[in-house]
C-alpha atoms as a PDB file:
ATOM      1  CA  MET A   1     -11.689   3.714 -22.339  1.00  0.00           C
ATOM      2  CA  VAL A   2     -12.151   7.230 -23.533  1.00  0.00           C
ATOM      3  CA  SER A   3     -15.894   7.876 -24.496  1.00  0.00           C
ATOM      4  CA  PRO A   4     -16.339   7.991 -27.805  1.00  0.00           C
ATOM      5  CA  ALA A   5     -18.383  11.337 -27.106  1.00  0.00           C
ATOM      6  CA  PHE A   6     -14.446  12.952 -26.330  1.00  0.00           C
ATOM      7  CA  ASP A   7     -11.045  12.753 -27.391  1.00  0.00           C
ATOM      8  CA  THR A   8      -7.751  12.983 -25.764  1.00  0.00           C
ATOM      9  CA  SER A   9      -5.935  13.563 -29.166  1.00  0.00           C
ATOM     10  CA  PRO A  10      -3.711  16.498 -28.774  1.00  0.00           C
ATOM     11  CA  SER A  11      -4.096  17.168 -32.611  1.00  0.00           C
ATOM     12  CA  ASP A  12      -7.793  17.497 -31.931  1.00  0.00           C
ATOM     13  CA  LEU A  13      -7.315  19.882 -28.880  1.00  0.00           C
ATOM     14  CA  ALA A  14      -4.863  21.903 -30.870  1.00  0.00           C
ATOM     15  CA  ASP A  15      -8.464  24.314 -31.442  1.00  0.00           C
ATOM     16  CA  ALA A  16      -8.825  25.673 -27.449  1.00  0.00           C
ATOM     17  CA  VAL A  17      -6.339  27.898 -29.006  1.00  0.00           C
ATOM     18  CA  GLU A  18      -5.787  30.487 -32.308  1.00  0.00           C
ATOM     19  CA  PRO A  19      -3.006  28.065 -34.196  1.00  0.00           C
ATOM     20  CA  SER A  20      -1.055  31.427 -35.624  1.00  0.00           C
ATOM     21  CA  LEU A  21      -1.107  32.366 -31.905  1.00  0.00           C
ATOM     22  CA  GLU A  22       0.263  29.231 -30.584  1.00  0.00           C
ATOM     23  CA  THR A  23       4.186  29.421 -30.338  1.00  0.00           C
ATOM     24  CA  SER A  24       6.595  26.102 -30.644  1.00  0.00           C
ATOM     25  CA  ASP A  25       7.104  25.805 -26.859  1.00  0.00           C
ATOM     26  CA  ASP A  26       2.906  26.133 -26.592  1.00  0.00           C
ATOM     27  CA  SER A  27       2.926  23.334 -29.338  1.00  0.00           C
ATOM     28  CA  ARG A  28       5.029  21.199 -27.173  1.00  0.00           C
ATOM     29  CA  VAL A  29       3.546  21.648 -23.759  1.00  0.00           C
ATOM     30  CA  ARG A  30      -0.352  20.818 -25.370  1.00  0.00           C
ATOM     31  CA  ALA A  31       1.214  18.012 -26.568  1.00  0.00           C
ATOM     32  CA  MET A  32       2.704  16.990 -23.500  1.00  0.00           C
ATOM     33  CA  ILE A  33      -0.108  17.410 -21.587  1.00  0.00           C
ATOM     34  CA  GLY A  34      -2.824  15.446 -23.881  1.00  0.00           C
ATOM     35  CA  GLU A  35      -0.193  12.898 -23.477  1.00  0.00           C
ATOM     36  CA  HIS A  36      -0.389  13.084 -19.583  1.00  0.00           C
ATOM     37  CA  TRP A  37      -4.120  12.694 -20.067  1.00  0.00           C
ATOM     38  CA  SER A  38      -3.667   9.623 -22.732  1.00  0.00           C
ATOM     39  CA  ALA A  39      -0.823   7.446 -20.377  1.00  0.00           C
ATOM     40  CA  SER A  40      -3.461   8.054 -17.501  1.00  0.00           C
ATOM     41  CA  GLU A  41      -6.303   6.605 -19.997  1.00  0.00           C
ATOM     42  CA  ARG A  42      -3.396   3.756 -21.047  1.00  0.00           C
ATOM     43  CA  GLY A  43      -2.615   3.309 -17.512  1.00  0.00           C
ATOM     44  CA  ASP A  44       1.278   3.864 -18.149  1.00  0.00           C
ATOM     45  CA  ILE A  45       2.110   5.719 -14.617  1.00  0.00           C
ATOM     46  CA  ALA A  46       5.641   6.463 -15.581  1.00  0.00           C
ATOM     47  CA  ALA A  47       4.433   8.317 -18.847  1.00  0.00           C
ATOM     48  CA  GLU A  48       1.723   9.789 -17.218  1.00  0.00           C
ATOM     49  CA  HIS A  49       4.024  11.147 -14.452  1.00  0.00           C
ATOM     50  CA  ALA A  50       6.647  12.252 -17.111  1.00  0.00           C
ATOM     51  CA  LEU A  51       5.561  16.004 -17.568  1.00  0.00           C
ATOM     52  CA  TYR A  52       6.391  16.966 -13.451  1.00  0.00           C
ATOM     53  CA  ALA A  53       9.244  18.058 -12.060  1.00  0.00           C
ATOM     54  CA  GLU A  54      11.117  15.599  -9.149  1.00  0.00           C
ATOM     55  CA  ASP A  55       9.913  18.417  -6.437  1.00  0.00           C
ATOM     56  CA  ALA A  56       6.533  19.115  -8.487  1.00  0.00           C
ATOM     57  CA  VAL A  57       3.495  20.151  -5.584  1.00  0.00           C
ATOM     58  CA  LEU A  58      -0.265  18.553  -6.375  1.00  0.00           C
ATOM     59  CA  ASP A  59      -2.870  19.945  -4.853  1.00  0.00           C
ATOM     60  CA  TYR A  60      -6.721  18.942  -4.139  1.00  0.00           C
ATOM     61  CA  PRO A  61      -8.288  21.879  -2.324  1.00  0.00           C
ATOM     62  CA  GLN A  62     -11.713  19.735  -1.810  1.00  0.00           C
ATOM     63  CA  SER A  63      -9.804  17.322   0.097  1.00  0.00           C
ATOM     64  CA  GLY A  64      -7.291  19.739   1.765  1.00  0.00           C
ATOM     65  CA  GLU A  65      -4.734  17.227   0.231  1.00  0.00           C
ATOM     66  CA  ARG A  66      -1.515  18.345  -0.927  1.00  0.00           C
ATOM     67  CA  PHE A  67       0.965  16.084  -2.278  1.00  0.00           C
ATOM     68  CA  ARG A  68       5.036  16.483  -2.629  1.00  0.00           C
ATOM     69  CA  GLY A  69       6.797  15.089  -5.005  1.00  0.00           C
ATOM     70  CA  ARG A  70       7.017  13.262  -8.493  1.00  0.00           C
ATOM     71  CA  ALA A  71       6.640   9.690  -6.752  1.00  0.00           C
ATOM     72  CA  THR A  72       3.998  10.501  -4.236  1.00  0.00           C
ATOM     73  CA  ILE A  73       2.345  11.649  -6.523  1.00  0.00           C
ATOM     74  CA  ALA A  74       2.837   9.234  -8.934  1.00  0.00           C
ATOM     75  CA  ALA A  75       2.036   6.182  -5.457  1.00  0.00           C
ATOM     76  CA  GLN A  76      -0.801   8.139  -4.721  1.00  0.00           C
ATOM     77  CA  ARG A  77      -2.849   7.718  -8.497  1.00  0.00           C
ATOM     78  CA  GLY A  78      -1.553   4.609  -8.806  1.00  0.00           C
ATOM     79  CA  GLY A  79      -2.933   3.384  -5.864  1.00  0.00           C
ATOM     80  CA  HIS A  80      -6.271   4.109  -6.755  1.00  0.00           C
ATOM     81  CA  PRO A  81      -8.801   1.197  -5.947  1.00  0.00           C
ATOM     82  CA  ALA A  82     -11.583   2.685  -8.936  1.00  0.00           C
ATOM     83  CA  ASP A  83     -12.196   1.311 -12.522  1.00  0.00           C
ATOM     84  CA  ARG A  84     -10.537   4.509 -14.063  1.00  0.00           C
ATOM     85  CA  HIS A  85     -11.096   6.356 -17.568  1.00  0.00           C
ATOM     86  CA  PHE A  86     -10.160  10.088 -18.599  1.00  0.00           C
ATOM     87  CA  ALA A  87     -11.968  12.258 -21.759  1.00  0.00           C
ATOM     88  CA  VAL A  88     -10.422  15.407 -22.060  1.00  0.00           C
ATOM     89  CA  ARG A  89     -12.951  17.896 -23.191  1.00  0.00           C
ATOM     90  CA  ARG A  90     -10.287  20.740 -23.881  1.00  0.00           C
ATOM     91  CA  ILE A  91      -6.811  21.900 -23.007  1.00  0.00           C
ATOM     92  CA  SER A  92      -5.929  25.756 -23.207  1.00  0.00           C
ATOM     93  CA  GLY A  93      -3.086  28.246 -21.792  1.00  0.00           C
ATOM     94  CA  SER A  94      -0.003  29.161 -23.220  1.00  0.00           C
ATOM     95  CA  GLY A  95       3.640  29.631 -21.222  1.00  0.00           C
ATOM     96  CA  ASP A  96       3.230  28.303 -18.267  1.00  0.00           C
ATOM     97  CA  LEU A  97      -0.099  28.076 -17.012  1.00  0.00           C
ATOM     98  CA  TRP A  98      -2.211  25.814 -18.705  1.00  0.00           C
ATOM     99  CA  VAL A  99      -5.987  24.221 -17.908  1.00  0.00           C
ATOM    100  CA  SER A 100      -7.393  20.809 -19.057  1.00  0.00           C
ATOM    101  CA  GLU A 101     -11.217  20.463 -18.388  1.00  0.00           C
ATOM    102  CA  CYS A 102     -11.809  16.569 -18.156  1.00  0.00           C
ATOM    103  CA  VAL A 103     -14.218  13.429 -17.659  1.00  0.00           C
ATOM    104  CA  ILE A 104     -12.908  11.786 -14.540  1.00  0.00           C
ATOM    105  CA  THR A 105     -15.226   8.180 -14.424  1.00  0.00           C
ATOM    106  CA  TYR A 106     -14.315   6.336 -11.453  1.00  0.00           C
ATOM    107  CA  ASP A 107     -16.376   3.002 -11.260  1.00  0.00           C
ATOM    108  CA  GLY A 108     -18.772   4.474 -13.891  1.00  0.00           C
ATOM    109  CA  VAL A 109     -19.564   7.807 -12.480  1.00  0.00           C
ATOM    110  CA  PRO A 110     -18.275  10.869 -13.900  1.00  0.00           C
ATOM    111  CA  SER A 111     -16.673  14.122 -11.897  1.00  0.00           C
ATOM    112  CA  HIS A 112     -16.243  17.018 -14.231  1.00  0.00           C
ATOM    113  CA  THR A 113     -12.664  17.603 -13.410  1.00  0.00           C
ATOM    114  CA  VAL A 114     -10.202  20.791 -13.792  1.00  0.00           C
ATOM    115  CA  SER A 115      -6.894  20.160 -13.592  1.00  0.00           C
ATOM    116  CA  ILE A 116      -4.224  24.372 -13.617  1.00  0.00           C
ATOM    117  CA  MET A 117      -1.033  23.077 -14.156  1.00  0.00           C
ATOM    118  CA  GLU A 118       1.890  25.485 -13.396  1.00  0.00           C
ATOM    119  CA  LEU A 119       5.383  24.969 -15.583  1.00  0.00           C
ATOM    120  CA  SER A 120       8.886  25.845 -14.181  1.00  0.00           C
ATOM    121  CA  GLY A 121      11.839  24.591 -16.723  1.00  0.00           C
ATOM    122  CA  GLY A 122       9.250  22.945 -18.753  1.00  0.00           C
ATOM    123  CA  LEU A 123       7.482  20.428 -16.454  1.00  0.00           C
ATOM    124  CA  VAL A 124       4.357  20.947 -13.961  1.00  0.00           C
ATOM    125  CA  ALA A 125       5.793  22.294 -10.828  1.00  0.00           C
ATOM    126  CA  HIS A 126       2.264  22.603  -9.384  1.00  0.00           C
ATOM    127  CA  GLU A 127      -0.815  21.383 -10.377  1.00  0.00           C
ATOM    128  CA  THR A 128      -3.664  21.882  -8.486  1.00  0.00           C
ATOM    129  CA  GLN A 129      -6.781  19.827  -9.798  1.00  0.00           C
ATOM    130  CA  PHE A 130     -10.695  20.371  -9.097  1.00  0.00           C
ATOM    131  CA  PHE A 131     -13.554  17.689  -8.578  1.00  0.00           C
ATOM    132  CA  ALA A 132     -17.292  18.292  -9.306  1.00  0.00           C
ATOM    133  CA  ASP A 133     -20.215  15.800  -9.440  1.00  0.00           C
ATOM    134  CA  PRO A 134     -22.887  16.154 -12.104  1.00  0.00           C
ATOM    135  CA  PHE A 135     -25.935  17.196 -11.129  1.00  0.00           C
ATOM    136  CA  GLU A 136     -29.596  18.509 -12.507  1.00  0.00           C
ATOM    137  CA  ALA A 137     -30.004  21.802 -13.379  1.00  0.00           C
ATOM    138  CA  PRO A 138     -33.530  23.073 -11.102  1.00  0.00           C
ATOM    139  CA  PRO A 139     -36.584  23.581 -12.815  1.00  0.00           C
ATOM    140  CA  SER A 140     -36.357  27.075 -12.095  1.00  0.00           C
ATOM    141  CA  ARG A 141     -33.637  28.537 -14.389  1.00  0.00           C
ATOM    142  CA  ALA A 142     -35.650  26.397 -16.879  1.00  0.00           C
ATOM    143  CA  ALA A 143     -36.664  29.535 -18.871  1.00  0.00           C
ATOM    144  CA  LEU A 144     -33.138  31.125 -18.734  1.00  0.00           C
ATOM    145  CA  GLY A 145     -31.119  28.447 -19.587  1.00  0.00           C
ATOM    146  CA  GLU A 146     -30.713  25.957 -22.416  1.00  0.00           C
ATOM    147  CA  ARG A 147     -29.161  22.130 -22.254  1.00  0.00           C
ATOM    148  CA  MET A 148     -25.630  21.898 -23.555  1.00  0.00           C
ATOM    149  CA  PRO A 149     -24.985  18.774 -26.002  1.00  0.00           C
ATOM    150  CA  ALA A 150     -24.426  15.547 -24.241  1.00  0.00           C
ATOM    151  CA  SER A 151     -20.930  14.819 -25.307  1.00  0.00           C
ATOM    152  CA  SER A 152     -20.419  17.953 -22.735  1.00  0.00           C
ATOM    153  CA  HIS A 153     -22.093  17.688 -20.396  1.00  0.00           C
ATOM    154  CA  LEU A 154     -22.694  14.110 -19.209  1.00  0.00           C
ATOM    155  CA  PRO A 155     -20.422  10.904 -21.064  1.00  0.00           C
ATOM    156  CA  GLU A 156     -22.877   8.108 -22.532  1.00  0.00           C
END
């Protein structure tokens, strides 16, 4: 289930780009990426992977893994044993380069993620996904910064 602090609906994410600057193609891509994350949350493997080109490449730099082909990408995600939930913070981009900021929880443990999607022919040809565990800020920075709203730091 998506945390109520986040929303995966593409229409609510439209404010990530000035509407007057977004083209109809950009609106279509934003909706396609929003549906990808919504399908991920629903566990709809076919819909989740519909945006990938047949020969797409997915890179996980932190583990050094590269997955080639839509079927391989779907297979490696479909075999994940954890209870996963997806909360989209923002989708931004234009043309052939798009970035999604999400919080993915694995068995209730949040991981902040950034997904960089490069499109070719209207489909994702290459995605690089980075994962980061949340951490508490050190006291030495307390006088310099301020706390982010809870909804943008950790899911409640």
